[in-house]
Amino acid sequence: MAVSHHRHDSGWPELPEGEHAVTELSSARSGGLSPFGEVIELPLPAEDLPYLHPITVPNR
């Protein structure tokens, strides 16, 4: 199979020899890391959530 040189994978960084682009290798947790960081403790208190339950009032 021919190698295509006109495409570039922008999702994979170029790193020096011996470095790893995979952050799971340097994490204390296995699996994917949270995009919100590791400082959030779940579950969050209901008072901290910006959720308003929708209320439907029928027209009569």
C-alpha atoms as a PDB file:
ATOM      1  CA  MET A   1       0.000   0.000   0.000  1.00  0.00           C
ATOM      2  CA  ALA A   2       1.339   3.407  -0.924  1.00  0.00           C
ATOM      3  CA  VAL A   3       2.011   5.954   1.798  1.00  0.00           C
ATOM      4  CA  SER A   4       0.030   9.176   1.450  1.00  0.00           C
ATOM      5  CA  HIS A   5       2.192  12.211   2.239  1.00  0.00           C
ATOM      6  CA  HIS A   6      -0.415  14.924   1.622  1.00  0.00           C
ATOM      7  CA  ARG A   7      -2.456  14.174   4.759  1.00  0.00           C
ATOM      8  CA  HIS A   8      -1.484  15.231   8.256  1.00  0.00           C
ATOM      9  CA  ASP A   9      -2.945  13.866  11.494  1.00  0.00           C
ATOM     10  CA  SER A  10      -3.342  17.042  13.567  1.00  0.00           C
ATOM     11  CA  GLY A  11      -4.689  15.052  16.517  1.00  0.00           C
ATOM     12  CA  TRP A  12      -1.390  13.331  17.267  1.00  0.00           C
ATOM     13  CA  PRO A  13       1.435  15.631  18.452  1.00  0.00           C
ATOM     14  CA  GLU A  14       5.057  15.333  17.390  1.00  0.00           C
ATOM     15  CA  LEU A  15       7.105  14.529  20.506  1.00  0.00           C
ATOM     16  CA  PRO A  16      10.802  14.041  21.245  1.00  0.00           C
ATOM     17  CA  GLU A  17      12.181  10.496  21.330  1.00  0.00           C
ATOM     18  CA  GLY A  18      11.131   8.678  24.504  1.00  0.00           C
ATOM     19  CA  GLU A  19       8.137  10.944  25.275  1.00  0.00           C
ATOM     20  CA  HIS A  20       4.529   9.723  25.291  1.00  0.00           C
ATOM     21  CA  ALA A  21       1.448  11.533  23.995  1.00  0.00           C
ATOM     22  CA  VAL A  22      -0.858   9.290  26.019  1.00  0.00           C
ATOM     23  CA  THR A  23      -1.758  11.017  29.306  1.00  0.00           C
ATOM     24  CA  GLU A  24      -3.149   7.841  30.882  1.00  0.00           C
ATOM     25  CA  LEU A  25       0.435   6.673  31.394  1.00  0.00           C
ATOM     26  CA  SER A  26       1.095   9.551  33.802  1.00  0.00           C
ATOM     27  CA  SER A  27      -2.251   9.460  35.610  1.00  0.00           C
ATOM     28  CA  ALA A  28      -3.219   7.842  38.884  1.00  0.00           C
ATOM     29  CA  ARG A  29      -6.498   6.709  37.263  1.00  0.00           C
ATOM     30  CA  SER A  30      -7.077   4.227  34.475  1.00  0.00           C
ATOM     31  CA  GLY A  31      -9.208   5.108  31.478  1.00  0.00           C
ATOM     32  CA  GLY A  32     -10.074   8.447  29.969  1.00  0.00           C
ATOM     33  CA  LEU A  33      -9.426  11.571  32.007  1.00  0.00           C
ATOM     34  CA  SER A  34     -12.118  14.147  32.729  1.00  0.00           C
ATOM     35  CA  PRO A  35     -12.006  17.299  30.588  1.00  0.00           C
ATOM     36  CA  PHE A  36     -13.051  19.225  33.725  1.00  0.00           C
ATOM     37  CA  GLY A  37      -9.946  18.238  35.689  1.00  0.00           C
ATOM     38  CA  GLU A  38      -9.542  16.049  38.721  1.00  0.00           C
ATOM     39  CA  VAL A  39     -10.678  18.563  41.363  1.00  0.00           C
ATOM     40  CA  ILE A  40     -14.430  17.987  40.935  1.00  0.00           C
ATOM     41  CA  GLU A  41     -15.925  15.581  43.446  1.00  0.00           C
ATOM     42  CA  LEU A  42     -19.120  13.882  42.388  1.00  0.00           C
ATOM     43  CA  PRO A  43     -21.978  13.877  43.107  1.00  0.00           C
ATOM     44  CA  LEU A  44     -22.359  17.640  43.216  1.00  0.00           C
ATOM     45  CA  PRO A  45     -24.812  19.205  45.667  1.00  0.00           C
ATOM     46  CA  ALA A  46     -28.140  20.074  44.015  1.00  0.00           C
ATOM     47  CA  GLU A  47     -27.698  23.735  45.040  1.00  0.00           C
ATOM     48  CA  ASP A  48     -24.580  23.988  42.855  1.00  0.00           C
ATOM     49  CA  LEU A  49     -26.318  22.796  39.674  1.00  0.00           C
ATOM     50  CA  PRO A  50     -27.633  25.466  37.259  1.00  0.00           C
ATOM     51  CA  TYR A  51     -30.688  23.366  36.359  1.00  0.00           C
ATOM     52  CA  LEU A  52     -34.265  24.659  36.341  1.00  0.00           C
ATOM     53  CA  HIS A  53     -36.953  22.063  35.781  1.00  0.00           C
ATOM     54  CA  PRO A  54     -39.365  23.117  33.014  1.00  0.00           C
ATOM     55  CA  ILE A  55     -42.923  23.827  34.091  1.00  0.00           C
ATOM     56  CA  THR A  56     -45.761  23.635  31.581  1.00  0.00           C
ATOM     57  CA  VAL A  57     -48.860  25.718  32.292  1.00  0.00           C
ATOM     58  CA  PRO A  58     -51.678  24.856  29.860  1.00  0.00           C
ATOM     59  CA  ASN A  59     -53.705  27.709  28.352  1.00  0.00           C
ATOM     60  CA  ARG A  60     -57.360  27.352  29.333  1.00  0.00           C
END
